[in-house]
Amino acid sequence: MARRVSMPAADDLFRPTSDTEQREQQEQRPRRVRAVADDSAAAGPRRPSGRVRHDEKMTVYVTADELLDIEHARLALRREHGLAVDRGRLVREALALVLADLDAQGADSALVQRLLDE
């Protein structure tokens, strides 16, 4: 007869053991809130976060062709420029460029023009 072992779930292994401990963990985790500046030039250029631990997650659905384009861009960056970047970093860099253009150009930005052309 085979003996089954009862294993704890991940929630049981990584849960706080008391309310006080849970509050302490939440207080120790710094909240990153970016202030909105009225003058975008004074805030400086928009920069991507780069290689840091990201606390927030966003799911984006793309078509197979779009994913293939991202992979081709990632491989081209590695092959032609010696830059080994993952897809997430590539997307964060592209997003930073588009948002910086939107901040600088407003209605004349490439993003606004592309969205108006849809």
Protein backbone atom coordinates (compact mmCIF):
# COMPACT_ATOMS: atom_id res chain seq x y z
CA MET A 1 0.00 0.00 0.00
CA ALA A 2 1.44 3.35 -1.08
CA ARG A 3 1.58 5.98 1.61
CA ARG A 4 0.59 9.52 0.63
CA VAL A 5 2.35 12.38 2.28
CA SER A 6 0.43 15.57 2.91
CA MET A 7 2.49 18.54 1.76
CA PRO A 8 1.73 22.14 2.72
CA ALA A 9 0.63 24.50 -0.03
CA ALA A 10 2.70 27.53 -1.03
CA ASP A 11 0.25 29.81 0.79
CA ASP A 12 0.93 27.92 4.02
CA LEU A 13 4.71 28.16 3.59
CA PHE A 14 4.90 31.86 2.75
CA ARG A 15 2.16 33.38 4.87
CA PRO A 16 2.70 35.69 7.86
CA THR A 17 2.16 33.91 11.15
CA SER A 18 0.44 36.80 12.91
CA ASP A 19 -1.37 40.06 12.13
CA THR A 20 1.50 42.01 13.71
CA GLU A 21 4.03 40.31 11.46
CA GLN A 22 1.87 41.00 8.42
CA ARG A 23 1.59 44.70 9.32
CA GLU A 24 5.36 44.90 9.84
CA GLN A 25 5.99 43.36 6.42
CA GLN A 26 3.65 45.87 4.77
CA GLU A 27 5.27 48.79 6.59
CA GLN A 28 8.77 47.65 5.58
CA ARG A 29 7.89 47.47 1.89
CA PRO A 30 8.39 50.98 0.51
CA ARG A 31 5.62 52.27 -1.72
CA ARG A 32 6.96 53.84 -4.87
CA VAL A 33 4.71 56.68 -5.88
CA ARG A 34 5.79 59.07 -8.57
CA ALA A 35 4.60 62.62 -8.15
CA VAL A 36 3.00 64.27 -11.15
CA ALA A 37 4.81 67.44 -12.11
CA ASP A 38 3.06 70.35 -13.78
CA ASP A 39 6.13 71.19 -15.86
CA SER A 40 7.35 68.09 -17.69
CA ALA A 41 10.65 69.77 -18.62
CA ALA A 42 11.48 70.30 -14.95
CA ALA A 43 10.88 66.62 -14.20
CA GLY A 44 13.67 65.59 -16.61
CA PRO A 45 13.67 62.94 -19.28
CA ARG A 46 11.55 59.83 -18.78
CA ARG A 47 13.73 56.79 -18.11
CA PRO A 48 12.79 53.11 -18.06
CA SER A 49 13.26 51.21 -14.83
CA GLY A 50 15.90 48.85 -16.23
CA ARG A 51 17.10 45.81 -14.29
CA VAL A 52 15.41 46.19 -10.92
CA ARG A 53 12.84 44.14 -9.06
CA HIS A 54 9.45 45.26 -10.30
CA ASP A 55 6.64 45.29 -7.75
CA GLU A 56 3.82 45.87 -10.21
CA LYS A 57 2.63 43.60 -12.98
CA MET A 58 0.57 44.27 -16.06
CA THR A 59 -0.60 41.67 -18.53
CA VAL A 60 -0.65 42.65 -22.19
CA TYR A 61 -2.01 40.41 -24.90
CA VAL A 62 -0.27 40.54 -28.27
CA THR A 63 -0.79 38.72 -31.53
CA ALA A 64 1.59 35.98 -32.64
CA ASP A 65 3.05 38.36 -35.23
CA GLU A 66 3.66 41.08 -32.63
CA LEU A 67 5.38 38.59 -30.33
CA LEU A 68 7.51 37.41 -33.23
CA ASP A 69 8.44 41.05 -34.01
CA ILE A 70 9.49 41.56 -30.38
CA GLU A 71 11.63 38.40 -30.52
CA HIS A 72 13.20 39.51 -33.81
CA ALA A 73 14.01 42.91 -32.29
CA ARG A 74 15.49 41.25 -29.20
CA LEU A 75 17.67 38.98 -31.33
CA ALA A 76 18.74 41.87 -33.59
CA LEU A 77 19.78 43.89 -30.54
CA ARG A 78 21.91 40.95 -29.40
CA ARG A 79 23.36 40.12 -32.83
CA GLU A 80 23.99 43.62 -34.20
CA HIS A 81 24.63 45.63 -31.04
CA GLY A 82 25.78 43.09 -28.45
CA LEU A 83 22.86 43.94 -26.15
CA ALA A 84 21.37 40.96 -24.33
CA VAL A 85 17.94 42.16 -23.20
CA ASP A 86 14.83 40.23 -22.31
CA ARG A 87 11.40 40.95 -23.78
CA GLY A 88 10.26 42.80 -20.66
CA ARG A 89 13.20 45.19 -20.76
CA LEU A 90 12.67 45.77 -24.47
CA VAL A 91 9.00 46.63 -23.90
CA ARG A 92 9.82 48.92 -20.93
CA GLU A 93 12.41 50.79 -23.04
CA ALA A 94 9.96 51.18 -25.93
CA LEU A 95 7.25 52.36 -23.54
CA ALA A 96 9.60 54.94 -22.02
CA LEU A 97 10.41 56.29 -25.49
CA VAL A 98 6.76 56.57 -26.48
CA LEU A 99 5.74 58.23 -23.22
CA ALA A 100 8.66 60.68 -23.38
CA ASP A 101 7.60 61.61 -26.91
CA LEU A 102 4.02 62.09 -25.70
CA ASP A 103 5.24 64.34 -22.86
CA ALA A 104 7.41 66.40 -25.20
CA GLN A 105 5.22 66.59 -28.31
CA GLY A 106 1.68 66.27 -26.95
CA ALA A 107 -0.84 66.17 -29.79
CA ASP A 108 1.99 65.99 -32.34
CA SER A 109 3.48 62.84 -30.78
CA ALA A 110 3.72 59.64 -32.80
CA LEU A 111 1.43 57.90 -30.31
CA VAL A 112 -1.40 60.41 -30.68
CA GLN A 113 -1.06 60.41 -34.46
CA ARG A 114 -1.14 56.61 -34.67
CA LEU A 115 -4.16 56.40 -32.37
CA LEU A 116 -5.98 59.05 -34.40
CA ASP A 117 -5.25 57.15 -37.62
CA GLU A 118 -6.93 53.95 -36.38
